[in-house]
Amino acid sequence: MIKITKKSKKRIIRISIFFFAISSFSALLIYAFSKNMVYFYTPSQVIEKEAPLEKFIRVGGMVKKGSVLRSNNNLKISFKIYDLEQQINVMYEGILPDLFAEGQGVVMTGRLINSNTFIADEVLAKHDENYMPPEVADMMKDANGELYKKW
């Protein structure tokens, strides 16, 4: 039979506390990361009711050409976004990012008021890998005003 001394008892307690602390910290870390994962719903997912109503979510898609309507007397704007299958209406009040354009991708934060209308609090315009800020594009022009070609 193994005899447990005071020294070995203290060691077992320290190891148990250390294991409990590491386990608790890991569980909290995993929980925090799972709550802060940033996904966005597509218009198809919104139409199919996969996105929750009246909750703060992200929605992303392409701005439909010809759908942007701006108010003349305030910063209200409405437009439609679409994916390959469905489209939804978006309402936003504020200043849009410089890269916002019809036919371009956007990701918005806000809430759904019904299965077809999204109220955006923030609009983020996306661009492709060929995007170049205007300042850099100006520096990359030749004497004729043409952009230098990629090698």
Protein backbone atom coordinates (compact mmCIF):
# COMPACT_ATOMS: atom_id res chain seq x y z
CA MET A 1 0.00 0.00 0.00
CA ILE A 2 1.23 3.49 -0.86
CA LYS A 3 1.63 5.85 2.02
CA ILE A 4 0.52 9.45 1.37
CA THR A 5 2.73 11.94 3.11
CA LYS A 6 2.05 15.63 3.75
CA LYS A 7 4.46 16.53 0.96
CA SER A 8 2.76 14.29 -1.60
CA LYS A 9 -0.69 15.49 -0.44
CA LYS A 10 0.34 19.13 -1.07
CA ARG A 11 1.69 18.17 -4.48
CA ILE A 12 -1.58 16.42 -5.44
CA ILE A 13 -3.57 19.49 -4.32
CA ARG A 14 -1.34 21.86 -6.33
CA ILE A 15 -1.61 19.68 -9.44
CA SER A 16 -5.40 19.49 -9.02
CA ILE A 17 -5.71 23.29 -8.65
CA PHE A 18 -3.44 23.83 -11.65
CA PHE A 19 -5.47 21.37 -13.77
CA PHE A 20 -8.76 23.02 -12.69
CA ALA A 21 -7.41 26.51 -13.47
CA ILE A 22 -6.16 25.51 -16.93
CA SER A 23 -9.43 23.71 -17.70
CA SER A 24 -11.52 26.71 -16.58
CA PHE A 25 -9.40 29.15 -18.57
CA SER A 26 -9.63 26.97 -21.68
CA ALA A 27 -13.41 26.64 -21.35
CA LEU A 28 -13.83 30.42 -20.98
CA LEU A 29 -11.56 31.06 -23.95
CA ILE A 30 -13.46 28.64 -26.19
CA TYR A 31 -16.80 30.14 -25.09
CA ALA A 32 -15.58 33.71 -25.78
CA PHE A 33 -14.28 32.80 -29.24
CA SER A 34 -17.48 30.99 -30.17
CA LYS A 35 -19.58 34.04 -29.23
CA ASN A 36 -17.36 36.45 -31.15
CA MET A 37 -17.12 34.53 -34.41
CA VAL A 38 -18.15 36.86 -37.21
CA TYR A 39 -20.24 35.22 -39.86
CA PHE A 40 -22.69 36.79 -42.23
CA TYR A 41 -25.90 35.52 -43.71
CA THR A 42 -26.54 35.54 -47.45
CA PRO A 43 -29.83 36.79 -48.94
CA SER A 44 -30.81 33.15 -49.63
CA GLN A 45 -30.32 32.26 -45.97
CA VAL A 46 -32.37 35.30 -44.94
CA ILE A 47 -35.25 34.40 -47.28
CA GLU A 48 -35.14 30.77 -46.06
CA LYS A 49 -35.51 32.11 -42.47
CA GLU A 50 -32.11 30.83 -41.29
CA ALA A 51 -31.26 34.30 -39.95
CA PRO A 52 -32.95 35.45 -36.72
CA LEU A 53 -35.41 38.35 -36.78
CA GLU A 54 -34.82 41.40 -34.56
CA LYS A 55 -31.32 40.26 -33.56
CA PHE A 56 -28.02 41.96 -34.34
CA ILE A 57 -26.51 40.07 -37.29
CA ARG A 58 -24.38 40.54 -40.40
CA VAL A 59 -25.71 40.17 -43.92
CA GLY A 60 -23.60 40.17 -47.07
CA GLY A 61 -24.15 40.16 -50.79
CA MET A 62 -23.77 42.15 -53.99
CA VAL A 63 -25.52 45.50 -54.49
CA LYS A 64 -28.05 45.07 -57.28
CA LYS A 65 -27.54 47.45 -60.20
CA GLY A 66 -30.29 50.05 -60.52
CA SER A 67 -31.64 49.44 -57.01
CA VAL A 68 -29.96 52.28 -55.08
CA LEU A 69 -32.46 54.97 -54.04
CA ARG A 70 -31.19 58.02 -52.15
CA SER A 71 -33.32 60.51 -50.26
CA ASN A 72 -32.93 64.14 -51.38
CA ASN A 73 -33.28 65.74 -47.94
CA ASN A 74 -31.43 63.36 -45.58
CA LEU A 75 -28.88 60.53 -45.51
CA LYS A 76 -31.42 57.71 -45.95
CA ILE A 77 -30.66 55.22 -48.67
CA SER A 78 -32.27 51.97 -49.74
CA PHE A 79 -30.95 49.31 -52.06
CA LYS A 80 -31.19 45.61 -52.76
CA ILE A 81 -28.50 43.01 -52.24
CA TYR A 82 -28.47 39.61 -53.89
CA ASP A 83 -26.59 36.36 -54.15
CA LEU A 84 -26.98 33.82 -56.92
CA GLU A 85 -30.55 32.96 -55.97
CA GLN A 86 -32.35 35.58 -53.84
CA GLN A 87 -32.42 39.30 -53.07
CA ILE A 88 -33.41 41.36 -50.02
CA ASN A 89 -34.13 45.04 -49.38
CA VAL A 90 -31.73 47.07 -47.26
CA MET A 91 -32.39 50.41 -45.56
CA TYR A 92 -29.54 52.52 -44.19
CA GLU A 93 -29.15 56.01 -42.80
CA GLY A 94 -25.66 57.46 -42.82
CA ILE A 95 -22.61 58.05 -44.95
CA LEU A 96 -21.69 55.14 -47.18
CA PRO A 97 -18.07 54.00 -47.60
CA ASP A 98 -16.15 55.25 -50.63
CA LEU A 99 -16.00 51.75 -52.15
CA PHE A 100 -19.81 51.34 -52.07
CA ALA A 101 -21.11 50.93 -55.62
CA GLU A 102 -23.71 49.02 -57.54
CA GLY A 103 -22.43 45.59 -58.51
CA GLN A 104 -19.94 45.55 -55.62
CA GLY A 105 -19.95 43.33 -52.53
CA VAL A 106 -21.06 44.65 -49.14
CA VAL A 107 -21.29 43.27 -45.62
CA MET A 108 -23.65 45.05 -43.24
CA THR A 109 -24.39 44.86 -39.55
CA GLY A 110 -27.91 45.48 -38.34
CA ARG A 111 -31.16 43.61 -37.87
CA LEU A 112 -33.89 41.99 -39.91
CA ILE A 113 -37.35 43.47 -39.44
CA ASN A 114 -38.94 40.79 -41.62
CA SER A 115 -37.75 38.02 -43.91
CA ASN A 116 -37.11 40.46 -46.76
CA THR A 117 -36.00 43.77 -45.15
CA PHE A 118 -32.74 44.49 -43.36
CA ILE A 119 -32.08 47.70 -41.39
CA ALA A 120 -28.33 48.34 -41.55
CA ASP A 121 -26.44 50.13 -38.78
CA GLU A 122 -23.10 49.85 -40.58
CA VAL A 123 -22.18 49.18 -44.20
CA LEU A 124 -18.77 47.78 -45.13
CA ALA A 125 -17.86 47.73 -48.81
CA LYS A 126 -15.75 44.84 -50.05
CA HIS A 127 -13.31 44.89 -52.92
CA ASP A 128 -11.43 42.31 -54.92
CA GLU A 129 -7.72 41.55 -54.91
CA ASN A 130 -7.19 43.95 -57.84
CA TYR A 131 -8.30 47.00 -55.84
CA MET A 132 -5.71 49.75 -55.58
CA PRO A 133 -6.24 52.92 -53.46
CA PRO A 134 -6.45 56.05 -55.65
CA GLU A 135 -3.24 57.48 -54.18
CA VAL A 136 -1.28 54.37 -55.13
CA ALA A 137 -2.94 54.21 -58.55
CA ASP A 138 -1.84 57.80 -59.27
CA MET A 139 1.76 56.91 -58.42
CA MET A 140 1.60 53.85 -60.71
CA LYS A 141 0.60 55.77 -63.86
CA ASP A 142 2.96 56.26 -66.78
CA ALA A 143 3.40 59.46 -68.82
CA ASN A 144 0.19 58.74 -70.78
CA GLY A 145 -1.91 58.35 -67.64
CA GLU A 146 -2.20 54.58 -68.07
CA LEU A 147 -1.60 52.20 -65.19
CA TYR A 148 1.58 50.17 -65.50
CA LYS A 149 0.70 46.63 -66.50
CA LYS A 150 1.39 43.74 -64.18
CA TRP A 151 4.38 41.61 -65.18
